[in-house]
Structure formats: C-alpha cells, structure tokens
Amino acid sequence: MVNFDQDQVQKSKMRSFLVQLDQDDNNSNDDNYNYHQSEKKRRLLPKQVEFLEKSFEVENKLEPERKVQLAKETGLQPRQVAIWFQNRRARCKTKQLEKNYDVLKASFDKLKTQYDCLFKENESLRNEVNLVKKSFIHYLNI
C-alpha cells in the first residue's frame, strides 16, 4: 500500500532543496555581477589620446623602452600603452583593407560594365554573321 502523506513530505523536502540551490546560484551570480560592475572600463583623456596619436604617427611599432617612456609621459600603465598601440594598428589595418576593397570594387564594377558591353556587342555581331550566312546560303541556292 502507498503512503501518500510520506510521498508529499519527500516532494516538499525536494522542492525546498531545489529552491535553496536556485537561491545559491542567484547569489553567486550577483557576486559575479557586482565584481564585474566594479571593474569600469577606463577611458583615456583627450590629451593622452592626442599624445599617443602623435607618437603613433612617428612610429607605429612600440619598443619596450619607448613603451615605458610613453607610459610615464601620459600617466598610463605600460600595458595600457601597448594595448592602445595594438588597437590603433588594428584600426589602421582595417581602414587600409576598406580602402583596398573600395578600389577593387570600383575596378571590378568598371570591368563588369565593359564586359557586359562587349558581351552584348559580341552577341550582336554573332547575330549579324548568322544573318549574312543565311543570306549567302540563300543566294547560293538561287
């Protein structure tokens, strides 16, 4: 015989256990959220960016001594300077790729237009040749 009261008690215990697990998970997620929230992304000051830009224009590669010198002059960590240079080189590369793409796209579009014109002209000339052939064959048969 089945005892429904005992079954209900076990289900109730299981439910409270699962609720406790959920609460523990939520609390640990809140801790992670608060931890990440306190780590704000530090932005560079306009003067720092301007100084780094000028330095980048002179030389886009960063030697260790130069990195330390720039860090001292800007008041940043050497790691921040290195990352800024790395990101700036990546932006330059992306811009160059975009320019190259635009040039190649324009060249392709021009060539495609020329190809289409030549293709149409070729078709027209083929039709003309076929007409001349038919006329010539008809003339020979007469």
C-alpha atoms as a PDB file:
ATOM      1  CA  MET A   1       0.000   0.000   0.000  1.00  0.00           C
ATOM      2  CA  VAL A   2       1.220   3.506  -0.898  1.00  0.00           C
ATOM      3  CA  ASN A   3       1.503   6.168   1.779  1.00  0.00           C
ATOM      4  CA  PHE A   4       0.630   9.473   0.090  1.00  0.00           C
ATOM      5  CA  ASP A   5       1.473  11.578   3.123  1.00  0.00           C
ATOM      6  CA  GLN A   6       5.060  10.339   3.147  1.00  0.00           C
ATOM      7  CA  ASP A   7       5.324  10.937  -0.608  1.00  0.00           C
ATOM      8  CA  GLN A   8       4.126  14.520  -0.131  1.00  0.00           C
ATOM      9  CA  VAL A   9       6.719  15.119   2.606  1.00  0.00           C
ATOM     10  CA  GLN A  10       9.527  13.880   0.329  1.00  0.00           C
ATOM     11  CA  LYS A  11       8.317  16.090  -2.527  1.00  0.00           C
ATOM     12  CA  SER A  12       8.179  19.061  -0.185  1.00  0.00           C
ATOM     13  CA  LYS A  13      11.743  18.419   1.027  1.00  0.00           C
ATOM     14  CA  MET A  14      12.938  18.072  -2.564  1.00  0.00           C
ATOM     15  CA  ARG A  15      11.230  21.341  -3.543  1.00  0.00           C
ATOM     16  CA  SER A  16      12.823  23.242  -0.660  1.00  0.00           C
ATOM     17  CA  PHE A  17      16.218  21.747  -1.549  1.00  0.00           C
ATOM     18  CA  LEU A  18      15.850  22.877  -5.190  1.00  0.00           C
ATOM     19  CA  VAL A  19      14.705  26.336  -4.120  1.00  0.00           C
ATOM     20  CA  GLN A  20      17.790  26.618  -1.897  1.00  0.00           C
ATOM     21  CA  LEU A  21      20.031  25.602  -4.828  1.00  0.00           C
ATOM     22  CA  ASP A  22      18.427  28.252  -7.031  1.00  0.00           C
ATOM     23  CA  GLN A  23      18.964  30.891  -4.368  1.00  0.00           C
ATOM     24  CA  ASP A  24      22.614  29.879  -4.010  1.00  0.00           C
ATOM     25  CA  ASP A  25      23.069  30.134  -7.780  1.00  0.00           C
ATOM     26  CA  ASN A  26      21.429  33.544  -7.860  1.00  0.00           C
ATOM     27  CA  ASN A  27      23.606  34.793  -5.015  1.00  0.00           C
ATOM     28  CA  SER A  28      26.786  33.630  -6.718  1.00  0.00           C
ATOM     29  CA  ASN A  29      25.654  35.299  -9.966  1.00  0.00           C
ATOM     30  CA  ASP A  30      25.002  38.517  -8.053  1.00  0.00           C
ATOM     31  CA  ASP A  31      28.518  38.320  -6.628  1.00  0.00           C
ATOM     32  CA  ASN A  32      29.947  37.944 -10.137  1.00  0.00           C
ATOM     33  CA  TYR A  33      27.767  40.792 -11.370  1.00  0.00           C
ATOM     34  CA  ASN A  34      28.941  43.089  -8.573  1.00  0.00           C
ATOM     35  CA  TYR A  35      32.547  42.054  -9.191  1.00  0.00           C
ATOM     36  CA  HIS A  36      32.348  42.867 -12.900  1.00  0.00           C
ATOM     37  CA  GLN A  37      30.350  46.019 -12.260  1.00  0.00           C
ATOM     38  CA  SER A  38      33.124  47.472 -10.096  1.00  0.00           C
ATOM     39  CA  GLU A  39      35.638  46.994 -12.956  1.00  0.00           C
ATOM     40  CA  LYS A  40      34.773  50.035 -15.045  1.00  0.00           C
ATOM     41  CA  LYS A  41      36.499  50.499 -18.369  1.00  0.00           C
ATOM     42  CA  ARG A  42      38.889  53.389 -18.014  1.00  0.00           C
ATOM     43  CA  ARG A  43      38.801  55.828 -20.905  1.00  0.00           C
ATOM     44  CA  LEU A  44      41.824  57.823 -21.921  1.00  0.00           C
ATOM     45  CA  LEU A  45      41.776  61.576 -21.652  1.00  0.00           C
ATOM     46  CA  PRO A  46      41.732  63.540 -24.922  1.00  0.00           C
ATOM     47  CA  LYS A  47      45.244  64.860 -24.177  1.00  0.00           C
ATOM     48  CA  GLN A  48      46.513  61.306 -23.691  1.00  0.00           C
ATOM     49  CA  VAL A  49      44.924  60.165 -26.948  1.00  0.00           C
ATOM     50  CA  GLU A  50      46.358  63.148 -28.822  1.00  0.00           C
ATOM     51  CA  PHE A  51      49.824  62.453 -27.423  1.00  0.00           C
ATOM     52  CA  LEU A  52      49.613  58.760 -28.323  1.00  0.00           C
ATOM     53  CA  GLU A  53      48.325  59.613 -31.824  1.00  0.00           C
ATOM     54  CA  LYS A  54      51.291  61.910 -32.458  1.00  0.00           C
ATOM     55  CA  SER A  55      53.650  59.256 -31.184  1.00  0.00           C
ATOM     56  CA  PHE A  56      51.938  56.655 -33.382  1.00  0.00           C
ATOM     57  CA  GLU A  57      52.402  58.849 -36.461  1.00  0.00           C
ATOM     58  CA  VAL A  58      56.140  58.940 -35.779  1.00  0.00           C
ATOM     59  CA  GLU A  59      56.427  55.154 -35.337  1.00  0.00           C
ATOM     60  CA  ASN A  60      53.586  52.649 -35.140  1.00  0.00           C
ATOM     61  CA  LYS A  61      55.757  49.917 -33.594  1.00  0.00           C
ATOM     62  CA  LEU A  62      56.422  50.057 -29.895  1.00  0.00           C
ATOM     63  CA  GLU A  63      59.788  49.106 -28.405  1.00  0.00           C
ATOM     64  CA  PRO A  64      59.858  48.295 -24.659  1.00  0.00           C
ATOM     65  CA  GLU A  65      61.869  51.407 -23.744  1.00  0.00           C
ATOM     66  CA  ARG A  66      59.556  53.630 -25.732  1.00  0.00           C
ATOM     67  CA  LYS A  67      56.515  51.998 -24.165  1.00  0.00           C
ATOM     68  CA  VAL A  68      57.793  52.793 -20.664  1.00  0.00           C
ATOM     69  CA  GLN A  69      58.669  56.355 -21.691  1.00  0.00           C
ATOM     70  CA  LEU A  70      55.211  56.946 -23.208  1.00  0.00           C
ATOM     71  CA  ALA A  71      53.570  55.439 -20.126  1.00  0.00           C
ATOM     72  CA  LYS A  72      55.440  57.864 -17.878  1.00  0.00           C
ATOM     73  CA  GLU A  73      54.644  60.851 -20.095  1.00  0.00           C
ATOM     74  CA  THR A  74      50.936  60.020 -20.339  1.00  0.00           C
ATOM     75  CA  GLY A  75      50.434  58.744 -16.805  1.00  0.00           C
ATOM     76  CA  LEU A  76      49.209  55.378 -18.073  1.00  0.00           C
ATOM     77  CA  GLN A  77      50.356  51.851 -17.368  1.00  0.00           C
ATOM     78  CA  PRO A  78      52.805  50.419 -19.933  1.00  0.00           C
ATOM     79  CA  ARG A  79      50.256  47.679 -20.640  1.00  0.00           C
ATOM     80  CA  GLN A  80      47.619  50.314 -21.492  1.00  0.00           C
ATOM     81  CA  VAL A  81      50.030  51.992 -23.908  1.00  0.00           C
ATOM     82  CA  ALA A  82      50.841  48.654 -25.547  1.00  0.00           C
ATOM     83  CA  ILE A  83      47.156  47.788 -25.925  1.00  0.00           C
ATOM     84  CA  TRP A  84      46.368  51.243 -27.311  1.00  0.00           C
ATOM     85  CA  PHE A  85      49.101  50.838 -29.956  1.00  0.00           C
ATOM     86  CA  GLN A  86      47.899  47.335 -30.786  1.00  0.00           C
ATOM     87  CA  ASN A  87      44.312  48.550 -31.209  1.00  0.00           C
ATOM     88  CA  ARG A  88      45.456  51.538 -33.260  1.00  0.00           C
ATOM     89  CA  ARG A  89      47.436  49.288 -35.620  1.00  0.00           C
ATOM     90  CA  ALA A  90      44.362  47.080 -35.988  1.00  0.00           C
ATOM     91  CA  ARG A  91      42.231  50.140 -36.847  1.00  0.00           C
ATOM     92  CA  CYS A  92      44.821  51.243 -39.424  1.00  0.00           C
ATOM     93  CA  LYS A  93      44.827  47.799 -40.973  1.00  0.00           C
ATOM     94  CA  THR A  94      41.029  47.742 -41.110  1.00  0.00           C
ATOM     95  CA  LYS A  95      40.902  51.188 -42.731  1.00  0.00           C
ATOM     96  CA  GLN A  96      43.510  50.124 -45.287  1.00  0.00           C
ATOM     97  CA  LEU A  97      41.531  46.973 -46.068  1.00  0.00           C
ATOM     98  CA  GLU A  98      38.390  49.076 -46.532  1.00  0.00           C
ATOM     99  CA  LYS A  99      40.236  51.414 -48.913  1.00  0.00           C
ATOM    100  CA  ASN A 100      41.657  48.469 -50.853  1.00  0.00           C
ATOM    101  CA  TYR A 101      38.196  46.931 -51.036  1.00  0.00           C
ATOM    102  CA  ASP A 102      36.699  50.173 -52.364  1.00  0.00           C
ATOM    103  CA  VAL A 103      39.401  50.439 -55.050  1.00  0.00           C
ATOM    104  CA  LEU A 104      38.978  46.800 -56.063  1.00  0.00           C
ATOM    105  CA  LYS A 105      35.180  47.109 -56.062  1.00  0.00           C
ATOM    106  CA  ALA A 106      35.322  50.187 -58.312  1.00  0.00           C
ATOM    107  CA  SER A 107      37.741  48.403 -60.637  1.00  0.00           C
ATOM    108  CA  PHE A 108      35.519  45.328 -60.698  1.00  0.00           C
ATOM    109  CA  ASP A 109      32.404  47.391 -61.426  1.00  0.00           C
ATOM    110  CA  LYS A 110      34.177  49.142 -64.308  1.00  0.00           C
ATOM    111  CA  LEU A 111      35.415  45.840 -65.746  1.00  0.00           C
ATOM    112  CA  LYS A 112      31.979  44.259 -65.323  1.00  0.00           C
ATOM    113  CA  THR A 113      30.377  47.126 -67.237  1.00  0.00           C
ATOM    114  CA  GLN A 114      32.971  46.793 -70.005  1.00  0.00           C
ATOM    115  CA  TYR A 115      32.434  43.034 -70.094  1.00  0.00           C
ATOM    116  CA  ASP A 116      28.662  43.434 -70.352  1.00  0.00           C
ATOM    117  CA  CYS A 117      29.060  45.921 -73.225  1.00  0.00           C
ATOM    118  CA  LEU A 118      31.493  43.638 -75.051  1.00  0.00           C
ATOM    119  CA  PHE A 119      29.232  40.648 -74.471  1.00  0.00           C
ATOM    120  CA  LYS A 120      26.260  42.485 -75.981  1.00  0.00           C
ATOM    121  CA  GLU A 121      28.388  43.677 -78.903  1.00  0.00           C
ATOM    122  CA  ASN A 122      29.626  40.117 -79.433  1.00  0.00           C
ATOM    123  CA  GLU A 123      26.056  38.797 -79.445  1.00  0.00           C
ATOM    124  CA  SER A 124      25.044  41.468 -81.914  1.00  0.00           C
ATOM    125  CA  LEU A 125      27.958  40.625 -84.201  1.00  0.00           C
ATOM    126  CA  ARG A 126      27.169  36.894 -83.994  1.00  0.00           C
ATOM    127  CA  ASN A 127      23.584  37.599 -84.987  1.00  0.00           C
ATOM    128  CA  GLU A 128      24.820  39.731 -87.862  1.00  0.00           C
ATOM    129  CA  VAL A 129      27.178  36.941 -89.020  1.00  0.00           C
ATOM    130  CA  ASN A 130      24.324  34.431 -88.859  1.00  0.00           C
ATOM    131  CA  LEU A 131      22.151  36.726 -90.978  1.00  0.00           C
ATOM    132  CA  VAL A 132      24.937  37.137 -93.526  1.00  0.00           C
ATOM    133  CA  LYS A 133      25.443  33.347 -93.607  1.00  0.00           C
ATOM    134  CA  LYS A 134      21.738  32.767 -94.193  1.00  0.00           C
ATOM    135  CA  SER A 135      21.689  35.407 -96.924  1.00  0.00           C
ATOM    136  CA  PHE A 136      24.775  33.912 -98.554  1.00  0.00           C
ATOM    137  CA  ILE A 137      23.368  30.367 -98.417  1.00  0.00           C
ATOM    138  CA  HIS A 138      20.092  31.619 -99.827  1.00  0.00           C
ATOM    139  CA  TYR A 139      21.995  33.466-102.596  1.00  0.00           C
ATOM    140  CA  LEU A 140      23.967  30.282-103.448  1.00  0.00           C
ATOM    141  CA  ASN A 141      20.793  28.209-103.635  1.00  0.00           C
ATOM    142  CA  ILE A 142      19.233  30.515-106.165  1.00  0.00           C
END
